[in-house]
Structures are given as C-alpha cells and as structure tokens.
Amino acid sequence: MSHHRETVTAEGAPKAAGPYSHAVRSGGLLYCSGQTPIDPATGALVEGEIGVQAARCLENLSIVCGEAGASLADAVRVAVYVTDMSTFGQVNEAYARYFESDPPARSTIGVAALPLGAAVEMDAIVALP
C-alpha cells in the first residue's frame, strides 16, 4: 500500500471483472470503479428495464461506498454510461430516487458497448467523511 492511496475491496459487491479495485481512497476522496448491474448474490446481470438495471448499479456503488465508511450521498461526481441514449429518462428516474436533494455533478455518456453486455454502467467520486 502506498502512503497516498489505499485500495478498497468491498465485501458484498460484485467481484471485479478485471484487474482493478472496487475503489481507491486518496486525498480525502474515494474513486469508485464502474459498476454494471450485476447482482452480487448470483454474479449475473439483472434482468428488466433499464431503470431496474440503473438502480442495481447505484446499489452496487452504495455497497462500495459503505465499505470505505462513506455513503453514495457523499458523491461529488457520477458518470453514467448507456448503450442507448433513448433510455436517458428511465435512467434519470432511477437516479433521482438515490439523490432526492443536492445531487452530485454528473455526466451521461452514450457508448457502443459495455462489459458483459450491460446496458448501463456507473462510476463515482465520493468525498470521504
């Protein structure tokens, strides 16, 4: 472990699909890796409409934040990646349930494909308490 960064492995979050950490703590911030809508219990992508999938991404990010002693409500920036920009409204509905007031800064980016065939992925930068 470096003196200026510490990796976080979150029990209860989906296993990383590659050689990366769930998150890295550094300089009072938590940099959370992207989370796809994988059910941690089964290791499979959740089925259903994009809103259900977006909620799973946010729940997975919440698990990672909790392991680091923070909350997703402490997020300062979230990036949302979708394979179909026409789902923007449905993603927003799910997202709004997690950030009812004072939402973080955010970008939504349309991409050609995501890991494991996911339709949505989210990452976050979180201010540590």
Protein backbone atom coordinates (compact mmCIF):
# COMPACT_ATOMS: atom_id res chain seq x y z
CA MET A 1 0.00 0.00 0.00
CA SER A 2 1.23 3.44 -0.90
CA HIS A 3 1.14 6.22 1.69
CA HIS A 4 -1.02 8.38 -0.60
CA ARG A 5 -3.53 5.79 -1.86
CA GLU A 6 -5.33 2.79 -0.44
CA THR A 7 -7.36 0.25 -2.38
CA VAL A 8 -10.82 -0.80 -1.19
CA THR A 9 -12.30 -4.25 -1.70
CA ALA A 10 -15.99 -4.30 -0.83
CA GLU A 11 -17.46 -7.46 0.63
CA GLY A 12 -20.95 -7.87 -0.77
CA ALA A 13 -20.24 -6.05 -4.04
CA PRO A 14 -19.91 -7.92 -7.33
CA LYS A 15 -16.43 -9.27 -7.96
CA ALA A 16 -14.29 -7.10 -10.22
CA ALA A 17 -14.49 -8.32 -13.81
CA GLY A 18 -10.84 -7.45 -14.43
CA PRO A 19 -7.61 -6.36 -12.77
CA TYR A 20 -8.95 -3.37 -10.85
CA SER A 21 -10.03 -2.43 -7.34
CA HIS A 22 -13.59 -1.65 -6.31
CA ALA A 23 -12.29 1.76 -5.27
CA VAL A 24 -9.19 3.71 -4.29
CA ARG A 25 -9.01 6.16 -1.35
CA SER A 26 -6.73 9.16 -1.87
CA GLY A 27 -6.63 12.77 -0.74
CA GLY A 28 -9.98 12.68 1.08
CA LEU A 29 -11.78 11.21 -1.94
CA LEU A 30 -12.96 7.76 -2.90
CA TYR A 31 -12.65 6.89 -6.58
CA CYS A 32 -15.17 4.12 -7.29
CA SER A 33 -14.69 1.87 -10.30
CA GLY A 34 -17.57 1.43 -12.70
CA GLN A 35 -20.39 -0.83 -11.57
CA THR A 36 -22.59 -2.67 -14.02
CA PRO A 37 -26.00 -4.07 -12.99
CA ILE A 38 -24.63 -7.32 -11.61
CA ASP A 39 -26.48 -8.99 -8.77
CA PRO A 40 -23.76 -9.72 -6.19
CA ALA A 41 -25.61 -12.82 -4.99
CA THR A 42 -25.72 -14.51 -8.41
CA GLY A 43 -22.92 -12.82 -10.35
CA ALA A 44 -25.34 -12.34 -13.24
CA LEU A 45 -26.66 -9.19 -14.87
CA VAL A 46 -30.09 -8.26 -13.51
CA GLU A 47 -32.95 -8.57 -15.95
CA GLY A 48 -35.63 -6.00 -16.58
CA GLU A 49 -35.96 -2.47 -17.83
CA ILE A 50 -33.08 -0.01 -17.75
CA GLY A 51 -34.42 1.66 -14.59
CA VAL A 52 -34.05 -1.62 -12.66
CA GLN A 53 -30.55 -2.03 -14.05
CA ALA A 54 -29.58 1.56 -13.18
CA ALA A 55 -30.82 1.05 -9.62
CA ARG A 56 -28.61 -2.05 -9.32
CA CYS A 57 -25.58 -0.03 -10.45
CA LEU A 58 -26.33 2.57 -7.78
CA GLU A 59 -26.87 -0.10 -5.13
CA ASN A 60 -23.52 -1.68 -6.04
CA LEU A 61 -21.84 1.72 -5.74
CA SER A 62 -23.54 2.16 -2.36
CA ILE A 63 -22.00 -1.11 -1.16
CA VAL A 64 -18.54 0.04 -2.23
CA CYS A 65 -19.00 3.42 -0.53
CA GLY A 66 -20.17 1.75 2.67
CA GLU A 67 -17.06 -0.44 2.78
CA ALA A 68 -14.98 2.77 2.73
CA GLY A 69 -17.01 4.40 5.51
CA ALA A 70 -18.92 6.73 3.18
CA SER A 71 -22.33 6.89 1.57
CA LEU A 72 -23.36 7.34 -2.05
CA ALA A 73 -24.99 10.57 -0.81
CA ASP A 74 -21.40 11.84 -0.35
CA ALA A 75 -20.75 11.57 -4.11
CA VAL A 76 -19.37 14.69 -5.75
CA ARG A 77 -19.48 13.30 -9.30
CA VAL A 78 -21.11 10.35 -11.02
CA ALA A 79 -20.56 9.20 -14.58
CA VAL A 80 -23.31 7.22 -16.29
CA TYR A 81 -22.59 5.18 -19.42
CA VAL A 82 -25.50 3.86 -21.51
CA THR A 83 -25.61 1.88 -24.72
CA ASP A 84 -28.89 3.54 -25.77
CA MET A 85 -29.37 7.27 -25.15
CA SER A 86 -33.13 6.88 -25.61
CA THR A 87 -33.14 5.32 -22.10
CA PHE A 88 -31.94 8.62 -20.58
CA GLY A 89 -35.32 9.41 -18.98
CA GLN A 90 -35.69 5.99 -17.38
CA VAL A 91 -32.15 6.15 -16.01
CA ASN A 92 -32.90 9.61 -14.60
CA GLU A 93 -35.97 8.30 -12.77
CA ALA A 94 -33.95 5.60 -11.02
CA TYR A 95 -31.08 8.00 -10.36
CA ALA A 96 -33.40 10.62 -8.80
CA ARG A 97 -34.53 8.10 -6.16
CA TYR A 98 -30.93 7.87 -4.89
CA PHE A 99 -30.27 11.62 -4.97
CA GLU A 100 -33.51 13.29 -3.87
CA SER A 101 -31.76 16.55 -2.96
CA ASP A 102 -28.35 18.07 -3.66
CA PRO A 103 -27.36 15.58 -6.37
CA PRO A 104 -23.71 15.32 -7.38
CA ALA A 105 -22.30 16.63 -10.64
CA ARG A 106 -22.89 14.11 -13.43
CA SER A 107 -22.13 13.17 -16.99
CA THR A 108 -24.13 10.75 -19.12
CA ILE A 109 -22.21 9.25 -22.00
CA GLY A 110 -23.52 7.12 -24.84
CA VAL A 111 -21.21 4.20 -25.62
CA ALA A 112 -21.18 1.42 -28.23
CA ALA A 113 -20.89 -1.41 -25.69
CA LEU A 114 -20.21 -2.16 -22.02
CA PRO A 115 -18.58 -5.10 -20.21
CA LEU A 116 -20.57 -8.33 -20.01
CA GLY A 117 -23.20 -6.92 -22.40
CA ALA A 118 -24.56 -4.48 -19.80
CA ALA A 119 -26.81 -1.63 -20.95
CA VAL A 120 -25.67 0.78 -18.21
CA GLU A 121 -22.61 1.33 -16.01
CA MET A 122 -21.85 3.98 -13.39
CA ASP A 123 -18.78 5.15 -11.53
CA ALA A 124 -18.43 7.77 -8.82
CA ILE A 125 -16.07 10.08 -6.99
CA VAL A 126 -17.08 10.39 -3.34
CA ALA A 127 -15.98 12.82 -0.62
CA LEU A 128 -14.95 10.82 2.43
CA PRO A 129 -16.46 11.99 5.73
